[in-house]
Amino acid sequence: MVFKRSKPHIVLKSEQKAYLENIGRSGKSEKREYDRAKIILMDAEGKGVNTIARELHTNR
């Protein structure tokens, strides 16, 4: 089943993007925090919900 996106993709400022990218590189963040940061970054890149879930091996 194909779902239509009802909301626009997230738009990040450069400072916000840098902060989220830093979470993934720090190695000190919890997996939950890392996954959330990755989801936001992938959405900002224009990836769909199904693609994000598949790449992160998680549920929608």
N, C-alpha and C. Protein backbone atom coordinates (compact mmCIF):
# COMPACT_ATOMS: atom_id res chain seq x y z
N MET A 1 0.84 -1.17 0.00
CA MET A 1 0.00 0.00 0.00
C MET A 1 0.88 1.24 0.00
N VAL A 2 0.58 2.18 -0.86
CA VAL A 2 1.36 3.41 -0.97
C VAL A 2 0.67 4.51 -0.19
N PHE A 3 1.44 5.18 0.66
CA PHE A 3 0.91 6.28 1.45
C PHE A 3 1.36 7.60 0.86
N LYS A 4 0.44 8.55 0.80
CA LYS A 4 0.81 9.89 0.34
C LYS A 4 1.31 10.69 1.53
N ARG A 5 2.31 11.49 1.30
CA ARG A 5 2.87 12.32 2.36
C ARG A 5 1.93 13.50 2.58
N SER A 6 1.48 13.66 3.81
CA SER A 6 0.55 14.74 4.11
C SER A 6 1.25 15.99 4.61
N LYS A 7 2.50 15.87 4.97
CA LYS A 7 3.25 17.02 5.48
C LYS A 7 4.50 17.23 4.62
N PRO A 8 4.97 18.46 4.53
CA PRO A 8 6.20 18.70 3.76
C PRO A 8 7.42 18.13 4.51
N HIS A 9 8.49 17.95 3.78
CA HIS A 9 9.73 17.48 4.39
C HIS A 9 10.26 18.54 5.36
N ILE A 10 11.03 18.09 6.30
CA ILE A 10 11.63 18.98 7.29
C ILE A 10 12.69 19.85 6.61
N VAL A 11 12.70 21.12 6.97
CA VAL A 11 13.72 22.05 6.46
C VAL A 11 14.61 22.43 7.64
N LEU A 12 15.90 22.16 7.51
CA LEU A 12 16.85 22.43 8.59
C LEU A 12 17.76 23.61 8.26
N LYS A 13 18.07 24.39 9.27
CA LYS A 13 19.10 25.43 9.14
C LYS A 13 20.45 24.72 9.22
N SER A 14 21.48 25.37 8.75
CA SER A 14 22.81 24.74 8.73
C SER A 14 23.28 24.36 10.13
N GLU A 15 22.94 25.18 11.14
CA GLU A 15 23.35 24.88 12.51
C GLU A 15 22.64 23.63 13.02
N GLN A 16 21.36 23.50 12.68
CA GLN A 16 20.59 22.34 13.10
C GLN A 16 21.13 21.07 12.44
N LYS A 17 21.43 21.17 11.16
CA LYS A 17 21.95 20.01 10.45
C LYS A 17 23.30 19.58 11.04
N ALA A 18 24.15 20.55 11.32
CA ALA A 18 25.46 20.24 11.90
C ALA A 18 25.31 19.57 13.27
N TYR A 19 24.37 20.05 14.07
CA TYR A 19 24.13 19.46 15.39
C TYR A 19 23.70 18.01 15.27
N LEU A 20 22.75 17.74 14.37
CA LEU A 20 22.25 16.38 14.19
C LEU A 20 23.33 15.46 13.62
N GLU A 21 24.14 15.96 12.71
CA GLU A 21 25.23 15.16 12.16
C GLU A 21 26.25 14.84 13.24
N ASN A 22 26.47 15.76 14.16
CA ASN A 22 27.43 15.57 15.24
C ASN A 22 26.97 14.46 16.19
N ILE A 23 25.67 14.33 16.37
CA ILE A 23 25.14 13.27 17.24
C ILE A 23 25.58 11.90 16.72
N GLY A 24 25.51 11.73 15.43
CA GLY A 24 25.89 10.45 14.83
C GLY A 24 27.38 10.17 14.90
N ARG A 25 28.18 11.20 14.87
CA ARG A 25 29.63 11.02 14.87
C ARG A 25 30.23 10.92 16.26
N SER A 26 29.51 11.40 17.26
CA SER A 26 30.10 11.49 18.59
C SER A 26 30.42 10.13 19.21
N GLY A 27 29.61 9.12 18.92
CA GLY A 27 29.84 7.81 19.49
C GLY A 27 29.41 7.70 20.94
N LYS A 28 28.96 8.81 21.53
CA LYS A 28 28.53 8.79 22.93
C LYS A 28 27.02 8.84 23.06
N SER A 29 26.33 9.04 21.96
CA SER A 29 24.88 9.15 22.04
C SER A 29 24.22 7.77 22.11
N GLU A 30 23.02 7.74 22.67
CA GLU A 30 22.26 6.50 22.74
C GLU A 30 21.77 6.15 21.34
N LYS A 31 21.51 4.90 21.12
CA LYS A 31 21.02 4.46 19.81
C LYS A 31 19.71 5.17 19.47
N ARG A 32 18.85 5.34 20.45
CA ARG A 32 17.57 6.01 20.22
C ARG A 32 17.79 7.44 19.73
N GLU A 33 18.72 8.15 20.36
CA GLU A 33 19.02 9.53 19.96
C GLU A 33 19.64 9.56 18.57
N TYR A 34 20.54 8.63 18.30
CA TYR A 34 21.17 8.52 16.99
C TYR A 34 20.12 8.26 15.91
N ASP A 35 19.22 7.30 16.17
CA ASP A 35 18.18 6.97 15.19
C ASP A 35 17.28 8.15 14.91
N ARG A 36 16.89 8.88 15.92
CA ARG A 36 16.02 10.05 15.73
C ARG A 36 16.72 11.12 14.91
N ALA A 37 17.99 11.35 15.21
CA ALA A 37 18.74 12.34 14.43
C ALA A 37 18.84 11.91 12.98
N LYS A 38 19.10 10.63 12.76
CA LYS A 38 19.22 10.09 11.41
C LYS A 38 17.89 10.21 10.65
N ILE A 39 16.78 9.95 11.32
CA ILE A 39 15.46 10.07 10.69
C ILE A 39 15.22 11.51 10.24
N ILE A 40 15.53 12.46 11.10
CA ILE A 40 15.32 13.87 10.75
C ILE A 40 16.20 14.26 9.57
N LEU A 41 17.46 13.84 9.59
CA LEU A 41 18.37 14.18 8.49
C LEU A 41 17.91 13.56 7.17
N MET A 42 17.47 12.32 7.23
CA MET A 42 17.02 11.64 6.01
C MET A 42 15.74 12.29 5.46
N ASP A 43 14.84 12.70 6.34
CA ASP A 43 13.63 13.38 5.90
C ASP A 43 13.98 14.72 5.25
N ALA A 44 14.93 15.43 5.84
CA ALA A 44 15.36 16.71 5.28
C ALA A 44 16.00 16.52 3.90
N GLU A 45 16.57 15.36 3.65
CA GLU A 45 17.14 15.05 2.33
C GLU A 45 16.07 14.70 1.32
N GLY A 46 14.82 14.55 1.78
CA GLY A 46 13.72 14.26 0.88
C GLY A 46 13.37 12.79 0.76
N LYS A 47 13.95 11.97 1.62
CA LYS A 47 13.63 10.53 1.57
C LYS A 47 12.27 10.28 2.20
N GLY A 48 11.57 9.31 1.69
CA GLY A 48 10.24 8.97 2.18
C GLY A 48 10.29 8.12 3.44
N VAL A 49 9.14 8.03 4.08
CA VAL A 49 9.02 7.29 5.33
C VAL A 49 9.41 5.82 5.15
N ASN A 50 8.93 5.21 4.09
CA ASN A 50 9.24 3.79 3.87
C ASN A 50 10.73 3.58 3.62
N THR A 51 11.34 4.46 2.88
CA THR A 51 12.78 4.37 2.61
C THR A 51 13.58 4.52 3.88
N ILE A 52 13.21 5.49 4.70
CA ILE A 52 13.91 5.72 5.97
C ILE A 52 13.78 4.48 6.86
N ALA A 53 12.58 3.94 6.98
CA ALA A 53 12.37 2.76 7.83
C ALA A 53 13.17 1.58 7.33
N ARG A 54 13.21 1.40 6.02
CA ARG A 54 13.95 0.27 5.45
C ARG A 54 15.45 0.43 5.69
N GLU A 55 15.99 1.63 5.46
CA GLU A 55 17.43 1.84 5.62
C GLU A 55 17.87 1.75 7.08
N LEU A 56 16.99 2.13 8.01
CA LEU A 56 17.35 2.07 9.43
C LEU A 56 16.90 0.77 10.09
N HIS A 57 16.31 -0.13 9.30
CA HIS A 57 15.85 -1.43 9.81
C HIS A 57 14.90 -1.25 10.99
N THR A 58 13.89 -0.43 10.79
CA THR A 58 12.90 -0.18 11.83
C THR A 58 11.50 -0.17 11.22
N ASN A 59 10.51 -0.06 12.05
CA ASN A 59 9.14 0.01 11.57
C ASN A 59 8.79 1.45 11.21
N ARG A 60 7.76 1.58 10.39
CA ARG A 60 7.28 2.92 10.02
C ARG A 60 6.83 3.59 11.24
